[in-house]
């Protein structure tokens, strides 16, 4: 599993791990029920404090991206078992609203924004049309 950390990023290290694992899952690089490295193994691979990796795993578990089975390890959750958190959807909608406001001030039009969104979905391996 390839995770790279940008120490100069404004985003906390654990959030970088969360984001990258979610991206690997979305792209299908990490598949459902695939076992992830242990906290210690991943910490050693990316040269990071195990507590930081543990915090990322806990957040991924809270979001339903991964599941930990005591004595067996940590696995990518089955998509059908992932719960849709209404608060998370609301948070995404608010982030999009802020992005649209910023795009407006940068003279980025609706058509261009939609193209960018479509490009990002394609980069993840296609679009998901779920309501």
N, C-alpha and C. Protein backbone atom coordinates (compact mmCIF):
# COMPACT_ATOMS: atom_id res chain seq x y z
N UNK A 1 0.86 -1.17 0.00
CA UNK A 1 0.00 0.00 0.00
C UNK A 1 0.91 1.23 0.00
N UNK A 2 0.67 2.12 -0.94
CA UNK A 2 1.51 3.30 -1.09
C UNK A 2 0.83 4.52 -0.49
N UNK A 3 1.38 4.98 0.62
CA UNK A 3 0.88 6.20 1.26
C UNK A 3 2.07 7.14 1.38
N UNK A 4 1.85 8.37 0.96
CA UNK A 4 2.91 9.37 1.07
C UNK A 4 2.40 10.52 1.92
N UNK A 5 3.24 10.99 2.79
CA UNK A 5 2.88 12.06 3.71
C UNK A 5 3.64 13.32 3.31
N UNK A 6 2.91 14.43 3.30
CA UNK A 6 3.53 15.72 3.00
C UNK A 6 3.67 16.48 4.32
N UNK A 7 4.87 16.51 4.89
CA UNK A 7 5.03 17.18 6.19
C UNK A 7 4.81 18.69 6.12
N UNK A 8 4.85 19.26 4.92
CA UNK A 8 4.65 20.71 4.77
C UNK A 8 3.18 21.08 4.58
N UNK A 9 2.33 20.07 4.47
CA UNK A 9 0.90 20.30 4.27
C UNK A 9 0.28 20.92 5.52
N UNK A 10 -0.75 21.72 5.31
CA UNK A 10 -1.51 22.30 6.43
C UNK A 10 -2.39 21.23 7.08
N UNK A 11 -2.67 20.17 6.34
CA UNK A 11 -3.56 19.12 6.83
C UNK A 11 -2.81 18.22 7.82
N UNK A 12 -3.41 17.91 8.97
CA UNK A 12 -2.76 17.03 9.94
C UNK A 12 -2.38 15.69 9.31
N UNK A 13 -1.32 15.08 9.84
CA UNK A 13 -0.79 13.84 9.29
C UNK A 13 -1.84 12.73 9.26
N UNK A 14 -2.60 12.57 10.35
CA UNK A 14 -3.59 11.50 10.38
C UNK A 14 -4.66 11.72 9.32
N UNK A 15 -5.02 12.98 9.05
CA UNK A 15 -6.02 13.26 8.02
C UNK A 15 -5.47 12.94 6.62
N UNK A 16 -4.17 13.13 6.43
CA UNK A 16 -3.57 12.76 5.16
C UNK A 16 -3.67 11.25 4.94
N UNK A 17 -3.45 10.48 6.00
CA UNK A 17 -3.56 9.02 5.91
C UNK A 17 -5.00 8.64 5.60
N UNK A 18 -5.95 9.23 6.32
CA UNK A 18 -7.38 8.95 6.10
C UNK A 18 -7.74 9.21 4.65
N UNK A 19 -7.37 10.39 4.15
CA UNK A 19 -7.72 10.78 2.79
C UNK A 19 -7.12 9.82 1.76
N UNK A 20 -5.87 9.45 1.96
CA UNK A 20 -5.22 8.57 1.00
C UNK A 20 -5.79 7.16 1.00
N UNK A 21 -6.13 6.65 2.16
CA UNK A 21 -6.74 5.32 2.21
C UNK A 21 -8.13 5.35 1.56
N UNK A 22 -8.89 6.41 1.83
CA UNK A 22 -10.21 6.53 1.20
C UNK A 22 -10.06 6.61 -0.32
N UNK A 23 -9.04 7.31 -0.79
CA UNK A 23 -8.81 7.41 -2.23
C UNK A 23 -8.43 6.05 -2.82
N UNK A 24 -7.57 5.31 -2.13
CA UNK A 24 -7.18 3.98 -2.60
C UNK A 24 -8.38 3.04 -2.67
N UNK A 25 -9.29 3.16 -1.72
CA UNK A 25 -10.52 2.35 -1.73
C UNK A 25 -11.42 2.79 -2.89
N UNK A 26 -11.59 4.10 -3.05
CA UNK A 26 -12.46 4.62 -4.11
C UNK A 26 -11.95 4.22 -5.49
N UNK A 27 -10.63 4.18 -5.66
CA UNK A 27 -10.05 3.81 -6.95
C UNK A 27 -10.03 2.30 -7.18
N UNK A 28 -10.35 1.54 -6.14
CA UNK A 28 -10.34 0.09 -6.27
C UNK A 28 -8.97 -0.52 -6.09
N UNK A 29 -7.99 0.29 -5.69
CA UNK A 29 -6.65 -0.23 -5.43
C UNK A 29 -6.68 -1.08 -4.16
N UNK A 30 -7.43 -0.62 -3.17
CA UNK A 30 -7.74 -1.43 -1.99
C UNK A 30 -9.16 -1.93 -2.18
N UNK A 31 -9.34 -3.23 -2.16
CA UNK A 31 -10.66 -3.81 -2.43
C UNK A 31 -11.36 -4.20 -1.14
N UNK A 32 -12.67 -4.34 -1.25
CA UNK A 32 -13.48 -4.77 -0.10
C UNK A 32 -12.89 -6.03 0.50
N UNK A 33 -12.88 -6.08 1.81
CA UNK A 33 -12.40 -7.20 2.62
C UNK A 33 -10.90 -7.43 2.52
N UNK A 34 -10.17 -6.52 1.85
CA UNK A 34 -8.71 -6.64 1.79
C UNK A 34 -8.11 -6.21 3.12
N UNK A 35 -7.13 -6.96 3.57
CA UNK A 35 -6.51 -6.65 4.85
C UNK A 35 -5.51 -5.51 4.69
N UNK A 36 -5.56 -4.58 5.65
CA UNK A 36 -4.62 -3.47 5.69
C UNK A 36 -3.45 -3.85 6.57
N UNK A 37 -2.33 -3.15 6.40
CA UNK A 37 -1.20 -3.41 7.32
C UNK A 37 -1.61 -3.06 8.75
N UNK A 38 -0.97 -3.69 9.69
CA UNK A 38 -1.22 -3.34 11.09
C UNK A 38 -0.77 -1.91 11.32
N UNK A 39 -1.21 -1.33 12.42
CA UNK A 39 -0.82 0.03 12.76
C UNK A 39 0.71 0.13 12.81
N UNK A 40 1.34 -0.81 13.47
CA UNK A 40 2.81 -0.78 13.59
C UNK A 40 3.49 -0.92 12.22
N UNK A 41 2.98 -1.82 11.40
CA UNK A 41 3.59 -2.03 10.08
C UNK A 41 3.45 -0.79 9.20
N UNK A 42 2.26 -0.18 9.18
CA UNK A 42 2.08 1.01 8.37
C UNK A 42 2.92 2.16 8.91
N UNK A 43 2.98 2.29 10.22
CA UNK A 43 3.81 3.35 10.83
C UNK A 43 5.27 3.17 10.42
N UNK A 44 5.75 1.94 10.39
CA UNK A 44 7.14 1.68 9.99
C UNK A 44 7.34 1.99 8.51
N UNK A 45 6.35 1.65 7.67
CA UNK A 45 6.45 1.89 6.22
C UNK A 45 6.55 3.37 5.91
N UNK A 46 5.77 4.19 6.61
CA UNK A 46 5.73 5.62 6.28
C UNK A 46 6.53 6.46 7.29
N UNK A 47 7.26 5.77 8.17
CA UNK A 47 8.12 6.40 9.17
C UNK A 47 7.33 7.46 9.96
N UNK A 48 6.40 6.93 10.74
CA UNK A 48 5.51 7.81 11.50
C UNK A 48 5.21 7.17 12.85
N UNK A 49 4.83 7.99 13.78
CA UNK A 49 4.45 7.53 15.10
C UNK A 49 3.22 6.61 14.98
N UNK A 50 3.26 5.43 15.59
CA UNK A 50 2.11 4.53 15.53
C UNK A 50 0.81 5.15 16.06
N UNK A 51 0.92 6.09 17.01
CA UNK A 51 -0.28 6.74 17.54
C UNK A 51 -1.00 7.53 16.45
N UNK A 52 -0.25 8.12 15.52
CA UNK A 52 -0.84 8.88 14.43
C UNK A 52 -1.59 7.94 13.49
N UNK A 53 -0.98 6.81 13.17
CA UNK A 53 -1.63 5.83 12.30
C UNK A 53 -2.86 5.26 13.00
N UNK A 54 -2.74 4.99 14.29
CA UNK A 54 -3.88 4.48 15.06
C UNK A 54 -5.05 5.47 15.02
N UNK A 55 -4.75 6.75 15.15
CA UNK A 55 -5.80 7.78 15.10
C UNK A 55 -6.48 7.78 13.72
N UNK A 56 -5.68 7.62 12.67
CA UNK A 56 -6.25 7.56 11.31
C UNK A 56 -7.14 6.34 11.16
N UNK A 57 -6.68 5.18 11.63
CA UNK A 57 -7.49 3.96 11.54
C UNK A 57 -8.80 4.10 12.31
N UNK A 58 -8.72 4.72 13.49
CA UNK A 58 -9.94 4.92 14.28
C UNK A 58 -10.94 5.80 13.55
N UNK A 59 -10.44 6.85 12.89
CA UNK A 59 -11.31 7.74 12.12
C UNK A 59 -11.90 7.00 10.92
N UNK A 60 -11.10 6.21 10.24
CA UNK A 60 -11.60 5.43 9.10
C UNK A 60 -12.66 4.42 9.55
N UNK A 61 -12.45 3.85 10.72
CA UNK A 61 -13.43 2.91 11.26
C UNK A 61 -14.72 3.64 11.63
N UNK A 62 -14.59 4.83 12.22
CA UNK A 62 -15.76 5.62 12.57
C UNK A 62 -16.57 5.96 11.32
N UNK A 63 -15.88 6.22 10.22
CA UNK A 63 -16.55 6.56 8.96
C UNK A 63 -17.05 5.33 8.20
N UNK A 64 -16.74 4.14 8.70
CA UNK A 64 -17.22 2.92 8.05
C UNK A 64 -16.40 2.49 6.84
N UNK A 65 -15.20 3.04 6.70
CA UNK A 65 -14.35 2.68 5.56
C UNK A 65 -13.63 1.37 5.84
N UNK A 66 -13.25 1.15 7.08
CA UNK A 66 -12.55 -0.06 7.47
C UNK A 66 -13.23 -0.68 8.68
N UNK A 67 -12.93 -1.95 8.90
CA UNK A 67 -13.41 -2.64 10.10
C UNK A 67 -12.22 -3.39 10.72
N UNK A 68 -12.20 -3.42 12.03
CA UNK A 68 -11.15 -4.16 12.73
C UNK A 68 -11.79 -5.36 13.40
N UNK A 69 -11.21 -6.50 13.13
CA UNK A 69 -11.69 -7.75 13.74
C UNK A 69 -10.60 -8.20 14.71
N UNK A 70 -10.95 -8.16 15.97
CA UNK A 70 -9.98 -8.47 17.03
C UNK A 70 -9.34 -9.83 16.77
N UNK A 71 -8.01 -9.82 16.80
CA UNK A 71 -7.26 -11.06 16.61
C UNK A 71 -7.00 -11.40 15.15
N UNK A 72 -7.66 -10.71 14.22
CA UNK A 72 -7.48 -11.02 12.80
C UNK A 72 -6.84 -9.88 12.03
N UNK A 73 -7.23 -8.63 12.36
CA UNK A 73 -6.64 -7.49 11.68
C UNK A 73 -7.66 -6.47 11.25
N UNK A 74 -7.22 -5.57 10.39
CA UNK A 74 -8.05 -4.48 9.90
C UNK A 74 -8.27 -4.67 8.42
N UNK A 75 -9.53 -4.50 8.00
CA UNK A 75 -9.93 -4.80 6.63
C UNK A 75 -10.75 -3.66 6.04
N UNK A 76 -10.72 -3.56 4.71
CA UNK A 76 -11.59 -2.61 4.02
C UNK A 76 -13.02 -3.11 4.19
N UNK A 77 -13.91 -2.24 4.59
CA UNK A 77 -15.31 -2.62 4.82
C UNK A 77 -16.01 -2.90 3.50
N UNK A 78 -16.99 -3.79 3.55
CA UNK A 78 -17.83 -4.02 2.38
C UNK A 78 -18.68 -2.77 2.16
N UNK A 79 -18.80 -2.37 0.92
CA UNK A 79 -19.56 -1.15 0.61
C UNK A 79 -21.00 -1.26 1.08
N UNK A 80 -21.59 -2.44 0.96
CA UNK A 80 -22.98 -2.61 1.35
C UNK A 80 -23.19 -2.44 2.86
N UNK A 81 -22.11 -2.59 3.63
CA UNK A 81 -22.21 -2.46 5.08
C UNK A 81 -21.89 -1.05 5.56
N UNK A 82 -21.40 -0.20 4.65
CA UNK A 82 -21.05 1.16 5.04
C UNK A 82 -22.32 1.96 5.30
N UNK A 83 -22.32 2.63 6.43
CA UNK A 83 -23.46 3.46 6.78
C UNK A 83 -23.27 4.85 6.18
N UNK A 84 -24.34 5.41 5.67
CA UNK A 84 -24.30 6.77 5.15
C UNK A 84 -24.67 7.70 6.29
N UNK A 85 -23.69 8.49 6.69
CA UNK A 85 -23.89 9.42 7.79
C UNK A 85 -24.48 10.71 7.23
N UNK A 86 -25.72 11.05 7.61
CA UNK A 86 -26.33 12.29 7.11
C UNK A 86 -25.50 13.53 7.43
N UNK A 87 -24.83 13.52 8.57
CA UNK A 87 -23.99 14.66 8.94
C UNK A 87 -22.80 14.79 7.97
N UNK A 88 -22.26 13.67 7.56
CA UNK A 88 -21.14 13.69 6.62
C UNK A 88 -21.59 14.22 5.27
N UNK A 89 -22.76 13.80 4.83
CA UNK A 89 -23.30 14.31 3.56
C UNK A 89 -23.55 15.82 3.65
N UNK A 90 -24.06 16.26 4.78
CA UNK A 90 -24.31 17.69 4.99
C UNK A 90 -23.00 18.47 4.98
N UNK A 91 -21.96 17.90 5.58
CA UNK A 91 -20.64 18.53 5.61
C UNK A 91 -20.10 18.68 4.18
N UNK A 92 -20.25 17.64 3.37
CA UNK A 92 -19.80 17.68 1.98
C UNK A 92 -20.56 18.75 1.20
N UNK A 93 -21.86 18.83 1.44
CA UNK A 93 -22.67 19.83 0.76
C UNK A 93 -22.22 21.24 1.14
N UNK A 94 -21.89 21.47 2.40
CA UNK A 94 -21.42 22.78 2.84
C UNK A 94 -20.05 23.10 2.21
N UNK A 95 -19.18 22.09 2.14
CA UNK A 95 -17.87 22.30 1.50
C UNK A 95 -18.05 22.66 0.02
N UNK A 96 -18.99 22.00 -0.62
CA UNK A 96 -19.26 22.29 -2.03
C UNK A 96 -19.79 23.72 -2.18
N UNK A 97 -20.66 24.11 -1.28
CA UNK A 97 -21.21 25.47 -1.30
C UNK A 97 -20.09 26.50 -1.21
N UNK A 98 -19.17 26.28 -0.28
CA UNK A 98 -18.03 27.19 -0.12
C UNK A 98 -17.15 27.19 -1.37
N UNK A 99 -16.97 26.03 -1.97
CA UNK A 99 -16.17 25.92 -3.19
C UNK A 99 -16.82 26.68 -4.34
N UNK A 100 -18.13 26.59 -4.46
CA UNK A 100 -18.85 27.32 -5.50
C UNK A 100 -18.71 28.83 -5.30
N UNK A 101 -18.77 29.27 -4.06
CA UNK A 101 -18.59 30.70 -3.77
C UNK A 101 -17.19 31.14 -4.21
N UNK A 102 -16.18 30.36 -3.83
CA UNK A 102 -14.80 30.69 -4.21
C UNK A 102 -14.63 30.66 -5.73
N UNK A 103 -15.23 29.68 -6.39
CA UNK A 103 -15.15 29.57 -7.85
C UNK A 103 -15.78 30.80 -8.50
N UNK A 104 -16.89 31.26 -7.94
CA UNK A 104 -17.56 32.45 -8.47
C UNK A 104 -16.61 33.65 -8.46
N UNK A 105 -15.91 33.84 -7.36
CA UNK A 105 -14.98 34.96 -7.25
C UNK A 105 -13.74 34.79 -8.13
N UNK A 106 -13.43 33.55 -8.52
CA UNK A 106 -12.28 33.28 -9.38
C UNK A 106 -12.70 33.20 -10.85
N UNK A 107 -13.96 33.58 -11.13
CA UNK A 107 -14.50 33.53 -12.50
C UNK A 107 -14.47 32.13 -13.11
N UNK A 108 -14.70 31.13 -12.28
CA UNK A 108 -14.83 29.76 -12.76
C UNK A 108 -16.32 29.48 -12.90
N UNK A 109 -16.73 29.14 -14.10
CA UNK A 109 -18.15 28.94 -14.38
C UNK A 109 -18.65 27.55 -14.02
N UNK A 110 -19.96 27.42 -14.02
CA UNK A 110 -20.63 26.16 -13.68
C UNK A 110 -20.18 25.02 -14.59
N UNK A 111 -20.10 25.29 -15.89
CA UNK A 111 -19.71 24.25 -16.85
C UNK A 111 -18.30 23.75 -16.56
N UNK A 112 -17.41 24.67 -16.28
CA UNK A 112 -16.03 24.28 -15.98
C UNK A 112 -15.96 23.48 -14.68
N UNK A 113 -16.70 23.91 -13.67
CA UNK A 113 -16.74 23.18 -12.40
C UNK A 113 -17.25 21.75 -12.60
N UNK A 114 -18.31 21.62 -13.38
CA UNK A 114 -18.87 20.30 -13.64
C UNK A 114 -17.86 19.42 -14.34
N UNK A 115 -17.11 19.97 -15.30
CA UNK A 115 -16.07 19.21 -15.99
C UNK A 115 -15.01 18.74 -15.00
N UNK A 116 -14.63 19.63 -14.07
CA UNK A 116 -13.63 19.25 -13.07
C UNK A 116 -14.14 18.12 -12.19
N UNK A 117 -15.40 18.22 -11.78
CA UNK A 117 -15.99 17.17 -10.93
C UNK A 117 -16.04 15.84 -11.68
N UNK A 118 -16.47 15.88 -12.93
CA UNK A 118 -16.52 14.66 -13.74
C UNK A 118 -15.13 14.06 -13.90
N UNK A 119 -14.13 14.90 -14.11
CA UNK A 119 -12.75 14.43 -14.26
C UNK A 119 -12.28 13.72 -12.99
N UNK A 120 -12.62 14.27 -11.83
CA UNK A 120 -12.22 13.66 -10.56
C UNK A 120 -12.92 12.32 -10.33
N UNK A 121 -14.21 12.24 -10.70
CA UNK A 121 -14.91 10.96 -10.58
C UNK A 121 -14.29 9.92 -11.51
N UNK A 122 -13.93 10.34 -12.71
CA UNK A 122 -13.29 9.42 -13.66
C UNK A 122 -11.95 8.95 -13.12
N UNK A 123 -11.20 9.83 -12.47
CA UNK A 123 -9.92 9.46 -11.89
C UNK A 123 -10.08 8.41 -10.80
N UNK A 124 -11.26 8.38 -10.19
CA UNK A 124 -11.55 7.38 -9.16
C UNK A 124 -12.11 6.09 -9.75
N UNK A 125 -12.16 6.02 -11.07
CA UNK A 125 -12.61 4.79 -11.70
C UNK A 125 -14.05 4.83 -12.17
N UNK A 126 -14.59 5.99 -12.35
CA UNK A 126 -15.96 6.10 -12.84
C UNK A 126 -16.81 6.91 -11.89
N UNK A 127 -18.03 7.12 -12.31
CA UNK A 127 -18.94 7.90 -11.48
C UNK A 127 -19.88 6.99 -10.72
N UNK A 128 -20.26 7.45 -9.58
CA UNK A 128 -21.22 6.72 -8.76
C UNK A 128 -22.48 7.55 -8.72
N UNK A 129 -23.55 7.01 -9.25
CA UNK A 129 -24.82 7.75 -9.28
C UNK A 129 -25.74 7.21 -8.21
N UNK A 130 -25.44 7.61 -6.98
CA UNK A 130 -26.29 7.19 -5.85
C UNK A 130 -26.93 8.41 -5.22
N UNK A 131 -28.16 8.28 -4.82
CA UNK A 131 -28.86 9.38 -4.15
C UNK A 131 -28.92 9.15 -2.67
